[in-house]
Amino acid sequence: MTQGVAARMRPKDARSMLRIPITKLASKAGLSHVTVIESERGKPIRLSTAYALFNALNFFRREQGMELLEDVRDVEWNISGED
């Protein structure tokens, strides 16, 4: 993990710190807003969904001049399966 990024942040915190709405993150990740809401509530998501969210979060982090997350596990998603 990157030194400047807090270890294992909650999904909602990862989005909230960017001050972006759920719909904007969902759109960038190519997911429905319901999937983002469920991920933030701790519902199980597929690994591919976690990576889509991870990449979208890093897009917005880069856009805002923030340090990027290095690993999908930097966020506490409830990942089910390895798809």
PDB file of N, CA and C in Angstrom:
ATOM      1  N   MET A   1       0.823  -1.179   0.000  1.00  0.00           N
ATOM      2  CA  MET A   1       0.000   0.000   0.000  1.00  0.00           C
ATOM      3  C   MET A   1       0.871   1.247   0.000  1.00  0.00           C
ATOM      4  N   THR A   2       0.330   2.280  -0.540  1.00  0.00           N
ATOM      5  CA  THR A   2       1.039   3.540  -0.606  1.00  0.00           C
ATOM      6  C   THR A   2       1.108   4.162   0.778  1.00  0.00           C
ATOM      7  N   GLN A   3       2.242   4.765   1.110  1.00  0.00           N
ATOM      8  CA  GLN A   3       2.415   5.343   2.429  1.00  0.00           C
ATOM      9  C   GLN A   3       1.386   6.417   2.731  1.00  0.00           C
ATOM     10  N   GLY A   4       1.051   7.271   1.771  1.00  0.00           N
ATOM     11  CA  GLY A   4       0.150   8.376   2.025  1.00  0.00           C
ATOM     12  C   GLY A   4      -1.318   7.996   2.067  1.00  0.00           C
ATOM     13  N   VAL A   5      -1.654   6.784   1.697  1.00  0.00           N
ATOM     14  CA  VAL A   5      -3.043   6.356   1.670  1.00  0.00           C
ATOM     15  C   VAL A   5      -3.320   5.550   2.932  1.00  0.00           C
ATOM     16  N   ALA A   6      -4.391   5.924   3.631  1.00  0.00           N
ATOM     17  CA  ALA A   6      -4.756   5.210   4.853  1.00  0.00           C
ATOM     18  C   ALA A   6      -5.015   3.743   4.539  1.00  0.00           C
ATOM     19  N   ALA A   7      -4.540   2.876   5.397  1.00  0.00           N
ATOM     20  CA  ALA A   7      -4.694   1.442   5.186  1.00  0.00           C
ATOM     21  C   ALA A   7      -6.156   1.049   5.328  1.00  0.00           C
ATOM     22  N   ARG A   8      -6.634   0.279   4.378  1.00  0.00           N
ATOM     23  CA  ARG A   8      -7.951  -0.343   4.431  1.00  0.00           C
ATOM     24  C   ARG A   8      -9.075   0.619   4.794  1.00  0.00           C
ATOM     25  N   MET A   9      -9.435   1.467   3.878  1.00  0.00           N
ATOM     26  CA  MET A   9     -10.548   2.395   4.117  1.00  0.00           C
ATOM     27  C   MET A   9     -11.869   1.761   3.702  1.00  0.00           C
ATOM     28  N   ARG A  10     -12.936   2.213   4.313  1.00  0.00           N
ATOM     29  CA  ARG A  10     -14.268   1.729   3.965  1.00  0.00           C
ATOM     30  C   ARG A  10     -14.658   2.277   2.599  1.00  0.00           C
ATOM     31  N   PRO A  11     -15.441   1.503   1.823  1.00  0.00           N
ATOM     32  CA  PRO A  11     -15.830   1.964   0.484  1.00  0.00           C
ATOM     33  C   PRO A  11     -16.494   3.341   0.473  1.00  0.00           C
ATOM     34  N   LYS A  12     -17.411   3.575   1.401  1.00  0.00           N
ATOM     35  CA  LYS A  12     -18.096   4.873   1.433  1.00  0.00           C
ATOM     36  C   LYS A  12     -17.110   5.997   1.716  1.00  0.00           C
ATOM     37  N   ASP A  13     -16.143   5.757   2.604  1.00  0.00           N
ATOM     38  CA  ASP A  13     -15.132   6.771   2.909  1.00  0.00           C
ATOM     39  C   ASP A  13     -14.251   7.047   1.700  1.00  0.00           C
ATOM     40  N   ALA A  14     -13.930   5.994   0.947  1.00  0.00           N
ATOM     41  CA  ALA A  14     -13.089   6.158  -0.245  1.00  0.00           C
ATOM     42  C   ALA A  14     -13.771   7.075  -1.255  1.00  0.00           C
ATOM     43  N   ARG A  15     -15.090   6.945  -1.377  1.00  0.00           N
ATOM     44  CA  ARG A  15     -15.841   7.810  -2.296  1.00  0.00           C
ATOM     45  C   ARG A  15     -16.076   9.191  -1.692  1.00  0.00           C
ATOM     46  N   SER A  16     -16.473   9.231  -0.433  1.00  0.00           N
ATOM     47  CA  SER A  16     -16.816  10.504   0.217  1.00  0.00           C
ATOM     48  C   SER A  16     -15.642  11.471   0.248  1.00  0.00           C
ATOM     49  N   MET A  17     -14.447  10.951   0.450  1.00  0.00           N
ATOM     50  CA  MET A  17     -13.281  11.848   0.503  1.00  0.00           C
ATOM     51  C   MET A  17     -13.037  12.536  -0.840  1.00  0.00           C
ATOM     52  N   LEU A  18     -13.584  11.965  -1.895  1.00  0.00           N
ATOM     53  CA  LEU A  18     -13.468  12.562  -3.229  1.00  0.00           C
ATOM     54  C   LEU A  18     -14.612  13.530  -3.519  1.00  0.00           C
ATOM     55  N   ARG A  19     -15.608  13.514  -2.648  1.00  0.00           N
ATOM     56  CA  ARG A  19     -16.788  14.382  -2.797  1.00  0.00           C
ATOM     57  C   ARG A  19     -17.472  14.182  -4.144  1.00  0.00           C
ATOM     58  N   ILE A  20     -17.649  12.918  -4.492  1.00  0.00           N
ATOM     59  CA  ILE A  20     -18.364  12.590  -5.726  1.00  0.00           C
ATOM     60  C   ILE A  20     -19.621  11.792  -5.365  1.00  0.00           C
ATOM     61  N   PRO A  21     -20.696  12.008  -6.105  1.00  0.00           N
ATOM     62  CA  PRO A  21     -21.913  11.251  -5.828  1.00  0.00           C
ATOM     63  C   PRO A  21     -21.794   9.799  -6.282  1.00  0.00           C
ATOM     64  N   ILE A  22     -22.627   8.977  -5.723  1.00  0.00           N
ATOM     65  CA  ILE A  22     -22.663   7.553  -6.073  1.00  0.00           C
ATOM     66  C   ILE A  22     -22.852   7.380  -7.579  1.00  0.00           C
ATOM     67  N   THR A  23     -23.734   8.168  -8.157  1.00  0.00           N
ATOM     68  CA  THR A  23     -24.024   8.018  -9.591  1.00  0.00           C
ATOM     69  C   THR A  23     -22.809   8.306 -10.465  1.00  0.00           C
ATOM     70  N   LYS A  24     -21.989   9.254 -10.056  1.00  0.00           N
ATOM     71  CA  LYS A  24     -20.785   9.589 -10.832  1.00  0.00           C
ATOM     72  C   LYS A  24     -19.756   8.460 -10.760  1.00  0.00           C
ATOM     73  N   LEU A  25     -19.574   7.885  -9.566  1.00  0.00           N
ATOM     74  CA  LEU A  25     -18.658   6.751  -9.426  1.00  0.00           C
ATOM     75  C   LEU A  25     -19.179   5.558 -10.211  1.00  0.00           C
ATOM     76  N   ALA A  26     -20.469   5.296 -10.103  1.00  0.00           N
ATOM     77  CA  ALA A  26     -21.066   4.170 -10.817  1.00  0.00           C
ATOM     78  C   ALA A  26     -20.882   4.311 -12.326  1.00  0.00           C
ATOM     79  N   SER A  27     -21.122   5.503 -12.832  1.00  0.00           N
ATOM     80  CA  SER A  27     -20.980   5.744 -14.269  1.00  0.00           C
ATOM     81  C   SER A  27     -19.546   5.513 -14.733  1.00  0.00           C
ATOM     82  N   LYS A  28     -18.587   6.041 -14.007  1.00  0.00           N
ATOM     83  CA  LYS A  28     -17.177   5.884 -14.389  1.00  0.00           C
ATOM     84  C   LYS A  28     -16.759   4.413 -14.305  1.00  0.00           C
ATOM     85  N   ALA A  29     -17.320   3.678 -13.343  1.00  0.00           N
ATOM     86  CA  ALA A  29     -16.972   2.257 -13.169  1.00  0.00           C
ATOM     87  C   ALA A  29     -17.747   1.350 -14.120  1.00  0.00           C
ATOM     88  N   GLY A  30     -18.758   1.900 -14.794  1.00  0.00           N
ATOM     89  CA  GLY A  30     -19.578   1.078 -15.686  1.00  0.00           C
ATOM     90  C   GLY A  30     -20.522   0.163 -14.923  1.00  0.00           C
ATOM     91  N   LEU A  31     -20.956   0.620 -13.755  1.00  0.00           N
ATOM     92  CA  LEU A  31     -21.820  -0.168 -12.882  1.00  0.00           C
ATOM     93  C   LEU A  31     -23.099   0.601 -12.589  1.00  0.00           C
ATOM     94  N   SER A  32     -24.073  -0.082 -12.035  1.00  0.00           N
ATOM     95  CA  SER A  32     -25.287   0.611 -11.614  1.00  0.00           C
ATOM     96  C   SER A  32     -25.047   1.283 -10.262  1.00  0.00           C
ATOM     97  N   HIS A  33     -25.829   2.318 -10.003  1.00  0.00           N
ATOM     98  CA  HIS A  33     -25.693   2.992  -8.708  1.00  0.00           C
ATOM     99  C   HIS A  33     -26.086   2.047  -7.568  1.00  0.00           C
ATOM    100  N   VAL A  34     -26.977   1.103  -7.852  1.00  0.00           N
ATOM    101  CA  VAL A  34     -27.381   0.123  -6.837  1.00  0.00           C
ATOM    102  C   VAL A  34     -26.183  -0.740  -6.427  1.00  0.00           C
ATOM    103  N   THR A  35     -25.355  -1.112  -7.375  1.00  0.00           N
ATOM    104  CA  THR A  35     -24.165  -1.914  -7.064  1.00  0.00           C
ATOM    105  C   THR A  35     -23.221  -1.136  -6.162  1.00  0.00           C
ATOM    106  N   VAL A  36     -23.040   0.150  -6.429  1.00  0.00           N
ATOM    107  CA  VAL A  36     -22.170   0.982  -5.588  1.00  0.00           C
ATOM    108  C   VAL A  36     -22.758   1.081  -4.183  1.00  0.00           C
ATOM    109  N   ILE A  37     -24.053   1.311  -4.090  1.00  0.00           N
ATOM    110  CA  ILE A  37     -24.700   1.385  -2.775  1.00  0.00           C
ATOM    111  C   ILE A  37     -24.511   0.086  -2.014  1.00  0.00           C
ATOM    112  N   GLU A  38     -24.733  -1.034  -2.677  1.00  0.00           N
ATOM    113  CA  GLU A  38     -24.574  -2.334  -2.017  1.00  0.00           C
ATOM    114  C   GLU A  38     -23.132  -2.557  -1.572  1.00  0.00           C
ATOM    115  N   SER A  39     -22.174  -2.150  -2.394  1.00  0.00           N
ATOM    116  CA  SER A  39     -20.765  -2.322  -2.003  1.00  0.00           C
ATOM    117  C   SER A  39     -20.440  -1.489  -0.775  1.00  0.00           C
ATOM    118  N   GLU A  40     -21.039  -0.302  -0.691  1.00  0.00           N
ATOM    119  CA  GLU A  40     -20.799   0.573   0.461  1.00  0.00           C
ATOM    120  C   GLU A  40     -21.493   0.061   1.721  1.00  0.00           C
ATOM    121  N   ARG A  41     -22.506  -0.758   1.547  1.00  0.00           N
ATOM    122  CA  ARG A  41     -23.220  -1.346   2.689  1.00  0.00           C
ATOM    123  C   ARG A  41     -22.632  -2.683   3.117  1.00  0.00           C
ATOM    124  N   GLY A  42     -21.561  -3.092   2.441  1.00  0.00           N
ATOM    125  CA  GLY A  42     -20.887  -4.329   2.825  1.00  0.00           C
ATOM    126  C   GLY A  42     -21.439  -5.588   2.198  1.00  0.00           C
ATOM    127  N   LYS A  43     -22.315  -5.433   1.216  1.00  0.00           N
ATOM    128  CA  LYS A  43     -22.837  -6.605   0.509  1.00  0.00           C
ATOM    129  C   LYS A  43     -21.715  -7.217  -0.323  1.00  0.00           C
ATOM    130  N   PRO A  44     -21.730  -8.523  -0.530  1.00  0.00           N
ATOM    131  CA  PRO A  44     -20.689  -9.160  -1.346  1.00  0.00           C
ATOM    132  C   PRO A  44     -20.711  -8.660  -2.788  1.00  0.00           C
ATOM    133  N   ILE A  45     -19.511  -8.427  -3.316  1.00  0.00           N
ATOM    134  CA  ILE A  45     -19.364  -8.044  -4.727  1.00  0.00           C
ATOM    135  C   ILE A  45     -18.303  -8.942  -5.357  1.00  0.00           C
ATOM    136  N   ARG A  46     -18.357  -9.054  -6.668  1.00  0.00           N
ATOM    137  CA  ARG A  46     -17.354  -9.852  -7.382  1.00  0.00           C
ATOM    138  C   ARG A  46     -16.034  -9.097  -7.433  1.00  0.00           C
ATOM    139  N   LEU A  47     -14.969  -9.838  -7.613  1.00  0.00           N
ATOM    140  CA  LEU A  47     -13.644  -9.230  -7.727  1.00  0.00           C
ATOM    141  C   LEU A  47     -13.601  -8.258  -8.899  1.00  0.00           C
ATOM    142  N   SER A  48     -14.229  -8.609 -10.008  1.00  0.00           N
ATOM    143  CA  SER A  48     -14.242  -7.720 -11.178  1.00  0.00           C
ATOM    144  C   SER A  48     -14.962  -6.400 -10.859  1.00  0.00           C
ATOM    145  N   THR A  49     -15.977  -6.453 -10.028  1.00  0.00           N
ATOM    146  CA  THR A  49     -16.681  -5.242  -9.604  1.00  0.00           C
ATOM    147  C   THR A  49     -15.778  -4.389  -8.730  1.00  0.00           C
ATOM    148  N   ALA A  50     -15.051  -5.035  -7.817  1.00  0.00           N
ATOM    149  CA  ALA A  50     -14.116  -4.304  -6.952  1.00  0.00           C
ATOM    150  C   ALA A  50     -13.053  -3.609  -7.802  1.00  0.00           C
ATOM    151  N   TYR A  51     -12.550  -4.275  -8.824  1.00  0.00           N
ATOM    152  CA  TYR A  51     -11.548  -3.649  -9.688  1.00  0.00           C
ATOM    153  C   TYR A  51     -12.135  -2.490 -10.485  1.00  0.00           C
ATOM    154  N   ALA A  52     -13.375  -2.618 -10.930  1.00  0.00           N
ATOM    155  CA  ALA A  52     -14.020  -1.517 -11.649  1.00  0.00           C
ATOM    156  C   ALA A  52     -14.147  -0.295 -10.739  1.00  0.00           C
ATOM    157  N   LEU A  53     -14.547  -0.514  -9.493  1.00  0.00           N
ATOM    158  CA  LEU A  53     -14.658   0.576  -8.529  1.00  0.00           C
ATOM    159  C   LEU A  53     -13.280   1.149  -8.193  1.00  0.00           C
ATOM    160  N   PHE A  54     -12.318   0.289  -8.004  1.00  0.00           N
ATOM    161  CA  PHE A  54     -10.941   0.687  -7.703  1.00  0.00           C
ATOM    162  C   PHE A  54     -10.395   1.595  -8.804  1.00  0.00           C
ATOM    163  N   ASN A  55     -10.567   1.190 -10.049  1.00  0.00           N
ATOM    164  CA  ASN A  55     -10.070   1.990 -11.175  1.00  0.00           C
ATOM    165  C   ASN A  55     -10.799   3.325 -11.279  1.00  0.00           C
ATOM    166  N   ALA A  56     -12.101   3.322 -11.028  1.00  0.00           N
ATOM    167  CA  ALA A  56     -12.871   4.572 -11.058  1.00  0.00           C
ATOM    168  C   ALA A  56     -12.428   5.501  -9.927  1.00  0.00           C
ATOM    169  N   LEU A  57     -12.225   4.944  -8.729  1.00  0.00           N
ATOM    170  CA  LEU A  57     -11.744   5.762  -7.616  1.00  0.00           C
ATOM    171  C   LEU A  57     -10.399   6.391  -7.955  1.00  0.00           C
ATOM    172  N   ASN A  58      -9.506   5.607  -8.541  1.00  0.00           N
ATOM    173  CA  ASN A  58      -8.195   6.147  -8.899  1.00  0.00           C
ATOM    174  C   ASN A  58      -8.283   7.194 -10.004  1.00  0.00           C
ATOM    175  N   PHE A  59      -9.240   7.063 -10.915  1.00  0.00           N
ATOM    176  CA  PHE A  59      -9.455   8.092 -11.923  1.00  0.00           C
ATOM    177  C   PHE A  59      -9.740   9.426 -11.241  1.00  0.00           C
ATOM    178  N   PHE A  60     -10.668   9.418 -10.284  1.00  0.00           N
ATOM    179  CA  PHE A  60     -11.037  10.650  -9.586  1.00  0.00           C
ATOM    180  C   PHE A  60      -9.926  11.132  -8.657  1.00  0.00           C
ATOM    181  N   ARG A  61      -9.182  10.203  -8.051  1.00  0.00           N
ATOM    182  CA  ARG A  61      -8.053  10.599  -7.205  1.00  0.00           C
ATOM    183  C   ARG A  61      -6.993  11.309  -8.049  1.00  0.00           C
ATOM    184  N   ARG A  62      -6.710  10.765  -9.225  1.00  0.00           N
ATOM    185  CA  ARG A  62      -5.729  11.379 -10.135  1.00  0.00           C
ATOM    186  C   ARG A  62      -6.224  12.758 -10.570  1.00  0.00           C
ATOM    187  N   GLU A  63      -7.498  12.840 -10.922  1.00  0.00           N
ATOM    188  CA  GLU A  63      -8.101  14.093 -11.368  1.00  0.00           C
ATOM    189  C   GLU A  63      -8.012  15.183 -10.289  1.00  0.00           C
ATOM    190  N   GLN A  64      -8.079  14.767  -9.022  1.00  0.00           N
ATOM    191  CA  GLN A  64      -8.034  15.718  -7.912  1.00  0.00           C
ATOM    192  C   GLN A  64      -6.629  15.894  -7.336  1.00  0.00           C
ATOM    193  N   GLY A  65      -5.637  15.271  -7.964  1.00  0.00           N
ATOM    194  CA  GLY A  65      -4.257  15.420  -7.513  1.00  0.00           C
ATOM    195  C   GLY A  65      -3.951  14.658  -6.241  1.00  0.00           C
ATOM    196  N   MET A  66      -4.738  13.627  -5.954  1.00  0.00           N
ATOM    197  CA  MET A  66      -4.526  12.819  -4.752  1.00  0.00           C
ATOM    198  C   MET A  66      -3.652  11.614  -5.079  1.00  0.00           C
ATOM    199  N   GLU A  67      -3.025  11.088  -4.060  1.00  0.00           N
ATOM    200  CA  GLU A  67      -2.229   9.886  -4.224  1.00  0.00           C
ATOM    201  C   GLU A  67      -3.135   8.712  -4.586  1.00  0.00           C
ATOM    202  N   LEU A  68      -2.681   7.879  -5.508  1.00  0.00           N
ATOM    203  CA  LEU A  68      -3.492   6.761  -5.980  1.00  0.00           C
ATOM    204  C   LEU A  68      -3.463   5.596  -5.010  1.00  0.00           C
ATOM    205  N   LEU A  69      -4.545   4.837  -5.009  1.00  0.00           N
ATOM    206  CA  LEU A  69      -4.583   3.567  -4.286  1.00  0.00           C
ATOM    207  C   LEU A  69      -3.721   2.595  -5.084  1.00  0.00           C
ATOM    208  N   GLU A  70      -2.949   1.777  -4.408  1.00  0.00           N
ATOM    209  CA  GLU A  70      -2.067   0.842  -5.112  1.00  0.00           C
ATOM    210  C   GLU A  70      -2.694  -0.514  -5.351  1.00  0.00           C
ATOM    211  N   ASP A  71      -3.606  -0.911  -4.489  1.00  0.00           N
ATOM    212  CA  ASP A  71      -4.114  -2.278  -4.529  1.00  0.00           C
ATOM    213  C   ASP A  71      -5.607  -2.264  -4.252  1.00  0.00           C
ATOM    214  N   VAL A  72      -6.336  -3.128  -4.925  1.00  0.00           N
ATOM    215  CA  VAL A  72      -7.777  -3.225  -4.721  1.00  0.00           C
ATOM    216  C   VAL A  72      -8.109  -3.493  -3.253  1.00  0.00           C
ATOM    217  N   ARG A  73      -7.190  -4.110  -2.530  1.00  0.00           N
ATOM    218  CA  ARG A  73      -7.421  -4.414  -1.111  1.00  0.00           C
ATOM    219  C   ARG A  73      -7.200  -3.208  -0.200  1.00  0.00           C
ATOM    220  N   ASP A  74      -6.853  -2.048  -0.784  1.00  0.00           N
ATOM    221  CA  ASP A  74      -6.755  -0.822   0.013  1.00  0.00           C
ATOM    222  C   ASP A  74      -8.135  -0.379   0.501  1.00  0.00           C
ATOM    223  N   VAL A  75      -9.180  -0.924  -0.121  1.00  0.00           N
ATOM    224  CA  VAL A  75     -10.554  -0.620   0.260  1.00  0.00           C
ATOM    225  C   VAL A  75     -11.186  -1.900   0.793  1.00  0.00           C
ATOM    226  N   GLU A  76     -11.970  -1.780   1.854  1.00  0.00           N
ATOM    227  CA  GLU A  76     -12.552  -2.946   2.537  1.00  0.00           C
ATOM    228  C   GLU A  76     -13.821  -3.455   1.866  1.00  0.00           C
ATOM    229  N   TRP A  77     -13.726  -3.832   0.601  1.00  0.00           N
ATOM    230  CA  TRP A  77     -14.887  -4.422  -0.061  1.00  0.00           C
ATOM    231  C   TRP A  77     -15.073  -5.842   0.429  1.00  0.00           C
ATOM    232  N   ASN A  78     -16.307  -6.297   0.411  1.00  0.00           N
ATOM    233  CA  ASN A  78     -16.632  -7.677   0.752  1.00  0.00           C
ATOM    234  C   ASN A  78     -16.641  -8.465  -0.559  1.00  0.00           C
ATOM    235  N   ILE A  79     -15.475  -8.950  -0.945  1.00  0.00           N
ATOM    236  CA  ILE A  79     -15.309  -9.619  -2.230  1.00  0.00           C
ATOM    237  C   ILE A  79     -15.641 -11.091  -2.086  1.00  0.00           C
ATOM    238  N   SER A  80     -16.561 -11.543  -2.939  1.00  0.00           N
ATOM    239  CA  SER A  80     -16.937 -12.969  -2.936  1.00  0.00           C
ATOM    240  C   SER A  80     -16.472 -13.590  -4.239  1.00  0.00           C
ATOM    241  N   GLY A  81     -15.732 -14.650  -4.135  1.00  0.00           N
ATOM    242  CA  GLY A  81     -15.254 -15.324  -5.341  1.00  0.00           C
ATOM    243  C   GLY A  81     -14.076 -14.588  -5.962  1.00  0.00           C
ATOM    244  N   GLU A  82     -13.529 -15.197  -6.969  1.00  0.00           N
ATOM    245  CA  GLU A  82     -12.340 -14.640  -7.619  1.00  0.00           C
ATOM    246  C   GLU A  82     -12.584 -14.269  -9.070  1.00  0.00           C
ATOM    247  N   ASP A  83     -13.783 -14.505  -9.595  1.00  0.00           N
ATOM    248  CA  ASP A  83     -14.098 -14.372 -11.009  1.00  0.00           C
ATOM    249  C   ASP A  83     -12.930 -13.794 -11.724  1.00  0.00           C
TER     250      ASP A  83
END
